[in-house]
Amino acid sequence: MDKNKANNVSPIVLAFVGDAVYSLFVREKLTFETDYKAGELQKLSAKEVNAGAQAELVKEILPLLTEEEIGIFKRARNTKKGTKAKNASVADYNASTGFEALLGYLYLTGQNERLNFILNKGVIDEN
């Protein structure tokens, strides 16, 4: 998808795609780096793929983002959401939505090198 078309996609839809991208990234990383069974992998994945953990990751990557990426992040972060945060603060939920939208945008626009750079800034602790 070209950037112009991606910029017209709802930030919430970008976050929907980005959530799947991040979930797959975390699951794949855990699968390659551990020999745990599915139940334990799910628990470890849930520690990483949640609003609080993603909000912390945003703090690490924000200084590394381009102006364009910050714009995508902020647009999604500030968008009115149809759902409310269940197990996170509103601030964490908003930050995680921005993070997921950024991932969705990079994925949909085929910026795989940049996507991998951002994804690999997060460290997954298997313990």
N, C-alpha and C. Protein backbone atom coordinates (compact mmCIF):
# COMPACT_ATOMS: atom_id res chain seq x y z
N MET A 1 0.87 -1.17 0.00
CA MET A 1 0.00 0.00 0.00
C MET A 1 0.91 1.23 0.00
N ASP A 2 0.56 2.23 -0.81
CA ASP A 2 1.39 3.42 -0.81
C ASP A 2 1.08 4.27 0.43
N LYS A 3 2.01 5.17 0.75
CA LYS A 3 1.89 5.98 1.97
C LYS A 3 0.65 6.87 1.96
N ASN A 4 0.29 7.43 0.80
CA ASN A 4 -0.90 8.28 0.74
C ASN A 4 -2.15 7.50 1.13
N LYS A 5 -2.28 6.30 0.60
CA LYS A 5 -3.44 5.47 0.94
C LYS A 5 -3.41 5.09 2.43
N ALA A 6 -2.22 4.72 2.91
CA ALA A 6 -2.08 4.34 4.32
C ALA A 6 -2.42 5.50 5.25
N ASN A 7 -2.08 6.71 4.85
CA ASN A 7 -2.40 7.89 5.67
C ASN A 7 -3.89 8.15 5.77
N ASN A 8 -4.66 7.59 4.84
CA ASN A 8 -6.11 7.74 4.87
C ASN A 8 -6.82 6.60 5.59
N VAL A 9 -6.06 5.61 6.04
CA VAL A 9 -6.63 4.51 6.81
C VAL A 9 -6.83 5.00 8.24
N SER A 10 -7.96 4.65 8.82
CA SER A 10 -8.25 5.03 10.21
C SER A 10 -7.10 4.58 11.12
N PRO A 11 -6.70 5.44 12.06
CA PRO A 11 -5.67 5.05 13.02
C PRO A 11 -6.03 3.79 13.81
N ILE A 12 -7.32 3.60 14.05
CA ILE A 12 -7.76 2.42 14.79
C ILE A 12 -7.58 1.16 13.94
N VAL A 13 -7.80 1.29 12.64
CA VAL A 13 -7.57 0.16 11.74
C VAL A 13 -6.07 -0.14 11.64
N LEU A 14 -5.25 0.90 11.59
CA LEU A 14 -3.80 0.69 11.60
C LEU A 14 -3.39 -0.04 12.88
N ALA A 15 -3.97 0.34 14.02
CA ALA A 15 -3.67 -0.31 15.29
C ALA A 15 -4.14 -1.76 15.29
N PHE A 16 -5.26 -2.03 14.65
CA PHE A 16 -5.79 -3.40 14.52
C PHE A 16 -4.76 -4.28 13.81
N VAL A 17 -4.21 -3.77 12.72
CA VAL A 17 -3.19 -4.51 11.98
C VAL A 17 -1.91 -4.61 12.80
N GLY A 18 -1.51 -3.51 13.41
CA GLY A 18 -0.28 -3.48 14.21
C GLY A 18 -0.32 -4.41 15.40
N ASP A 19 -1.49 -4.58 15.99
CA ASP A 19 -1.64 -5.51 17.11
C ASP A 19 -1.30 -6.92 16.65
N ALA A 20 -1.78 -7.30 15.48
CA ALA A 20 -1.48 -8.63 14.94
C ALA A 20 0.00 -8.77 14.61
N VAL A 21 0.59 -7.72 14.04
CA VAL A 21 2.01 -7.73 13.70
C VAL A 21 2.84 -7.93 14.96
N TYR A 22 2.53 -7.16 16.01
CA TYR A 22 3.31 -7.26 17.24
C TYR A 22 3.11 -8.60 17.92
N SER A 23 1.90 -9.08 17.95
CA SER A 23 1.61 -10.37 18.56
C SER A 23 2.39 -11.48 17.85
N LEU A 24 2.38 -11.47 16.54
CA LEU A 24 3.11 -12.48 15.77
C LEU A 24 4.61 -12.36 16.01
N PHE A 25 5.12 -11.14 16.05
CA PHE A 25 6.55 -10.93 16.31
C PHE A 25 6.94 -11.54 17.66
N VAL A 26 6.17 -11.23 18.70
CA VAL A 26 6.48 -11.73 20.04
C VAL A 26 6.38 -13.25 20.08
N ARG A 27 5.33 -13.81 19.50
CA ARG A 27 5.15 -15.26 19.50
C ARG A 27 6.28 -15.96 18.74
N GLU A 28 6.65 -15.40 17.61
CA GLU A 28 7.73 -15.99 16.83
C GLU A 28 9.04 -15.95 17.60
N LYS A 29 9.34 -14.80 18.19
CA LYS A 29 10.58 -14.64 18.96
C LYS A 29 10.63 -15.64 20.12
N LEU A 30 9.54 -15.76 20.84
CA LEU A 30 9.49 -16.71 21.96
C LEU A 30 9.65 -18.15 21.48
N THR A 31 9.05 -18.47 20.36
CA THR A 31 9.13 -19.83 19.82
C THR A 31 10.56 -20.17 19.43
N PHE A 32 11.25 -19.21 18.81
CA PHE A 32 12.63 -19.46 18.38
C PHE A 32 13.60 -19.49 19.55
N GLU A 33 13.32 -18.71 20.59
CA GLU A 33 14.29 -18.55 21.67
C GLU A 33 14.06 -19.45 22.88
N THR A 34 12.94 -20.15 22.92
CA THR A 34 12.64 -21.02 24.05
C THR A 34 12.17 -22.37 23.54
N ASP A 35 12.06 -23.31 24.47
CA ASP A 35 11.48 -24.61 24.11
C ASP A 35 10.26 -24.91 24.98
N TYR A 36 9.57 -23.84 25.39
CA TYR A 36 8.38 -23.99 26.23
C TYR A 36 7.21 -24.54 25.43
N LYS A 37 6.27 -25.08 26.17
CA LYS A 37 5.03 -25.57 25.56
C LYS A 37 4.08 -24.38 25.33
N ALA A 38 3.04 -24.64 24.56
CA ALA A 38 2.12 -23.58 24.13
C ALA A 38 1.53 -22.78 25.30
N GLY A 39 1.15 -23.43 26.37
CA GLY A 39 0.55 -22.73 27.51
C GLY A 39 1.50 -21.71 28.12
N GLU A 40 2.74 -22.11 28.29
CA GLU A 40 3.74 -21.20 28.86
C GLU A 40 4.08 -20.08 27.87
N LEU A 41 4.13 -20.42 26.58
CA LEU A 41 4.37 -19.40 25.56
C LEU A 41 3.26 -18.35 25.57
N GLN A 42 2.03 -18.80 25.77
CA GLN A 42 0.91 -17.85 25.82
C GLN A 42 1.06 -16.90 27.01
N LYS A 43 1.46 -17.42 28.15
CA LYS A 43 1.64 -16.58 29.33
C LYS A 43 2.75 -15.54 29.10
N LEU A 44 3.85 -15.99 28.52
CA LEU A 44 4.96 -15.08 28.24
C LEU A 44 4.56 -14.03 27.21
N SER A 45 3.84 -14.45 26.21
CA SER A 45 3.37 -13.54 25.17
C SER A 45 2.45 -12.47 25.77
N ALA A 46 1.57 -12.88 26.65
CA ALA A 46 0.63 -11.95 27.26
C ALA A 46 1.35 -10.89 28.10
N LYS A 47 2.52 -11.22 28.63
CA LYS A 47 3.31 -10.24 29.39
C LYS A 47 3.83 -9.11 28.50
N GLU A 48 4.03 -9.42 27.23
CA GLU A 48 4.58 -8.45 26.28
C GLU A 48 3.52 -7.74 25.46
N VAL A 49 2.48 -8.47 25.11
CA VAL A 49 1.45 -7.93 24.22
C VAL A 49 0.29 -7.43 25.08
N ASN A 50 0.53 -6.32 25.74
CA ASN A 50 -0.50 -5.66 26.54
C ASN A 50 -0.17 -4.17 26.61
N ALA A 51 -1.15 -3.39 26.95
CA ALA A 51 -1.01 -1.94 26.91
C ALA A 51 0.13 -1.43 27.79
N GLY A 52 0.28 -1.95 28.97
CA GLY A 52 1.32 -1.48 29.88
C GLY A 52 2.72 -1.74 29.34
N ALA A 53 2.96 -2.95 28.86
CA ALA A 53 4.27 -3.29 28.32
C ALA A 53 4.56 -2.49 27.05
N GLN A 54 3.55 -2.30 26.23
CA GLN A 54 3.74 -1.55 24.99
C GLN A 54 3.99 -0.07 25.29
N ALA A 55 3.34 0.47 26.30
CA ALA A 55 3.57 1.86 26.69
C ALA A 55 5.01 2.05 27.16
N GLU A 56 5.56 1.07 27.85
CA GLU A 56 6.96 1.13 28.28
C GLU A 56 7.88 1.08 27.07
N LEU A 57 7.55 0.24 26.11
CA LEU A 57 8.35 0.13 24.90
C LEU A 57 8.34 1.44 24.12
N VAL A 58 7.20 2.11 24.11
CA VAL A 58 7.09 3.41 23.43
C VAL A 58 8.11 4.39 23.99
N LYS A 59 8.30 4.39 25.30
CA LYS A 59 9.28 5.30 25.92
C LYS A 59 10.68 5.06 25.37
N GLU A 60 10.99 3.80 25.06
CA GLU A 60 12.31 3.46 24.52
C GLU A 60 12.47 3.88 23.07
N ILE A 61 11.42 3.68 22.28
CA ILE A 61 11.56 3.91 20.84
C ILE A 61 11.24 5.33 20.40
N LEU A 62 10.50 6.08 21.20
CA LEU A 62 10.08 7.42 20.79
C LEU A 62 11.24 8.30 20.30
N PRO A 63 12.37 8.32 21.00
CA PRO A 63 13.49 9.16 20.52
C PRO A 63 14.05 8.69 19.17
N LEU A 64 13.76 7.48 18.77
CA LEU A 64 14.31 6.92 17.53
C LEU A 64 13.40 7.12 16.32
N LEU A 65 12.19 7.64 16.57
CA LEU A 65 11.21 7.74 15.49
C LEU A 65 11.44 8.99 14.64
N THR A 66 11.07 8.86 13.37
CA THR A 66 11.12 9.99 12.46
C THR A 66 9.91 10.89 12.73
N GLU A 67 9.92 12.09 12.15
CA GLU A 67 8.77 12.99 12.31
C GLU A 67 7.50 12.34 11.77
N GLU A 68 7.62 11.67 10.63
CA GLU A 68 6.47 10.98 10.04
C GLU A 68 5.92 9.92 10.99
N GLU A 69 6.80 9.13 11.58
CA GLU A 69 6.39 8.07 12.50
C GLU A 69 5.76 8.64 13.77
N ILE A 70 6.32 9.73 14.28
CA ILE A 70 5.74 10.38 15.45
C ILE A 70 4.33 10.88 15.12
N GLY A 71 4.15 11.40 13.91
CA GLY A 71 2.82 11.85 13.49
C GLY A 71 1.81 10.72 13.46
N ILE A 72 2.20 9.56 12.95
CA ILE A 72 1.32 8.38 12.93
C ILE A 72 0.99 7.98 14.37
N PHE A 73 2.02 7.90 15.20
CA PHE A 73 1.84 7.52 16.61
C PHE A 73 0.87 8.47 17.31
N LYS A 74 1.10 9.77 17.18
CA LYS A 74 0.27 10.76 17.88
C LYS A 74 -1.17 10.77 17.37
N ARG A 75 -1.32 10.60 16.06
CA ARG A 75 -2.69 10.60 15.50
C ARG A 75 -3.49 9.45 16.10
N ALA A 76 -2.88 8.28 16.21
CA ALA A 76 -3.58 7.13 16.78
C ALA A 76 -3.74 7.27 18.30
N ARG A 77 -2.70 7.76 18.95
CA ARG A 77 -2.77 7.93 20.41
C ARG A 77 -3.91 8.85 20.79
N ASN A 78 -4.11 9.90 20.00
CA ASN A 78 -5.11 10.92 20.32
C ASN A 78 -6.50 10.64 19.76
N THR A 79 -6.65 9.60 18.97
CA THR A 79 -7.94 9.27 18.38
C THR A 79 -8.90 8.74 19.43
N LYS A 80 -10.14 9.15 19.31
CA LYS A 80 -11.17 8.62 20.20
C LYS A 80 -11.35 7.14 19.89
N LYS A 81 -11.30 6.34 20.93
CA LYS A 81 -11.41 4.89 20.77
C LYS A 81 -12.83 4.44 21.06
N GLY A 82 -13.23 3.38 20.40
CA GLY A 82 -14.56 2.82 20.60
C GLY A 82 -14.65 1.94 21.83
N THR A 83 -13.49 1.58 22.38
CA THR A 83 -13.46 0.72 23.57
C THR A 83 -12.64 1.42 24.64
N LYS A 84 -12.76 0.92 25.85
CA LYS A 84 -12.02 1.48 26.98
C LYS A 84 -10.95 0.51 27.43
N ALA A 85 -9.94 1.05 28.07
CA ALA A 85 -8.87 0.22 28.62
C ALA A 85 -9.44 -0.69 29.70
N LYS A 86 -9.12 -1.97 29.60
CA LYS A 86 -9.64 -2.92 30.59
C LYS A 86 -8.68 -3.11 31.76
N ASN A 87 -7.43 -3.38 31.44
CA ASN A 87 -6.44 -3.66 32.47
C ASN A 87 -5.25 -2.72 32.40
N ALA A 88 -5.51 -1.49 31.98
CA ALA A 88 -4.42 -0.52 31.84
C ALA A 88 -4.96 0.88 32.09
N SER A 89 -4.04 1.78 32.36
CA SER A 89 -4.45 3.18 32.50
C SER A 89 -4.82 3.71 31.12
N VAL A 90 -5.57 4.79 31.11
CA VAL A 90 -5.95 5.40 29.84
C VAL A 90 -4.69 5.84 29.08
N ALA A 91 -3.72 6.38 29.78
CA ALA A 91 -2.47 6.83 29.14
C ALA A 91 -1.74 5.66 28.49
N ASP A 92 -1.64 4.54 29.20
CA ASP A 92 -0.97 3.37 28.63
C ASP A 92 -1.75 2.83 27.44
N TYR A 93 -3.05 2.80 27.55
CA TYR A 93 -3.90 2.30 26.46
C TYR A 93 -3.73 3.18 25.22
N ASN A 94 -3.72 4.48 25.42
CA ASN A 94 -3.54 5.40 24.30
C ASN A 94 -2.16 5.25 23.66
N ALA A 95 -1.12 5.12 24.50
CA ALA A 95 0.24 4.94 23.98
C ALA A 95 0.35 3.63 23.21
N SER A 96 -0.26 2.58 23.73
CA SER A 96 -0.18 1.29 23.04
C SER A 96 -0.94 1.33 21.71
N THR A 97 -2.03 2.07 21.66
CA THR A 97 -2.76 2.23 20.40
C THR A 97 -1.88 2.95 19.37
N GLY A 98 -1.17 3.98 19.81
CA GLY A 98 -0.25 4.69 18.92
C GLY A 98 0.87 3.79 18.43
N PHE A 99 1.42 2.98 19.33
CA PHE A 99 2.48 2.04 18.99
C PHE A 99 1.99 1.03 17.95
N GLU A 100 0.81 0.45 18.21
CA GLU A 100 0.26 -0.54 17.30
C GLU A 100 -0.05 0.08 15.93
N ALA A 101 -0.56 1.30 15.92
CA ALA A 101 -0.85 1.97 14.65
C ALA A 101 0.43 2.20 13.85
N LEU A 102 1.49 2.59 14.53
CA LEU A 102 2.77 2.77 13.85
C LEU A 102 3.23 1.46 13.21
N LEU A 103 3.13 0.37 13.96
CA LEU A 103 3.52 -0.93 13.42
C LEU A 103 2.64 -1.30 12.22
N GLY A 104 1.35 -1.05 12.35
CA GLY A 104 0.43 -1.34 11.25
C GLY A 104 0.76 -0.53 10.01
N TYR A 105 1.07 0.73 10.20
CA TYR A 105 1.43 1.62 9.09
C TYR A 105 2.70 1.12 8.40
N LEU A 106 3.72 0.82 9.18
CA LEU A 106 4.98 0.35 8.60
C LEU A 106 4.78 -0.97 7.86
N TYR A 107 3.98 -1.85 8.43
CA TYR A 107 3.71 -3.13 7.79
C TYR A 107 2.95 -2.93 6.47
N LEU A 108 1.90 -2.17 6.52
CA LEU A 108 1.06 -1.99 5.32
C LEU A 108 1.79 -1.25 4.20
N THR A 109 2.73 -0.39 4.56
CA THR A 109 3.47 0.35 3.54
C THR A 109 4.75 -0.38 3.12
N GLY A 110 4.94 -1.58 3.62
CA GLY A 110 6.08 -2.40 3.20
C GLY A 110 7.43 -1.94 3.70
N GLN A 111 7.44 -1.17 4.78
CA GLN A 111 8.70 -0.68 5.35
C GLN A 111 9.24 -1.71 6.34
N ASN A 112 9.55 -2.88 5.84
CA ASN A 112 9.92 -4.01 6.69
C ASN A 112 11.23 -3.81 7.44
N GLU A 113 12.19 -3.17 6.83
CA GLU A 113 13.46 -2.93 7.51
C GLU A 113 13.24 -2.01 8.72
N ARG A 114 12.47 -0.97 8.52
CA ARG A 114 12.17 -0.03 9.62
C ARG A 114 11.33 -0.71 10.69
N LEU A 115 10.36 -1.51 10.27
CA LEU A 115 9.51 -2.26 11.19
C LEU A 115 10.37 -3.18 12.06
N ASN A 116 11.28 -3.90 11.45
CA ASN A 116 12.15 -4.80 12.21
C ASN A 116 13.06 -4.04 13.16
N PHE A 117 13.54 -2.89 12.74
CA PHE A 117 14.37 -2.06 13.61
C PHE A 117 13.60 -1.69 14.87
N ILE A 118 12.38 -1.22 14.69
CA ILE A 118 11.56 -0.79 15.83
C ILE A 118 11.19 -1.98 16.71
N LEU A 119 10.78 -3.08 16.10
CA LEU A 119 10.39 -4.25 16.87
C LEU A 119 11.55 -4.81 17.68
N ASN A 120 12.73 -4.77 17.15
CA ASN A 120 13.87 -5.35 17.85
C ASN A 120 14.46 -4.45 18.92
N LYS A 121 13.86 -3.27 19.13
CA LYS A 121 14.28 -2.43 20.25
C LYS A 121 13.75 -2.97 21.57
N GLY A 122 12.67 -3.73 21.53
CA GLY A 122 12.09 -4.31 22.74
C GLY A 122 12.82 -5.58 23.12
N VAL A 123 13.03 -5.77 24.40
CA VAL A 123 13.71 -6.97 24.88
C VAL A 123 12.68 -7.83 25.59
N ILE A 124 12.61 -9.08 25.18
CA ILE A 124 11.67 -10.00 25.82
C ILE A 124 12.42 -10.81 26.85
N ASP A 125 11.97 -10.73 28.08
CA ASP A 125 12.57 -11.48 29.18
C ASP A 125 11.76 -12.75 29.37
N GLU A 126 12.39 -13.91 29.15
CA GLU A 126 11.67 -15.17 29.24
C GLU A 126 11.36 -15.61 30.67
N ASN A 127 11.88 -14.91 31.65
CA ASN A 127 11.66 -15.37 33.04
C ASN A 127 10.49 -14.73 33.67
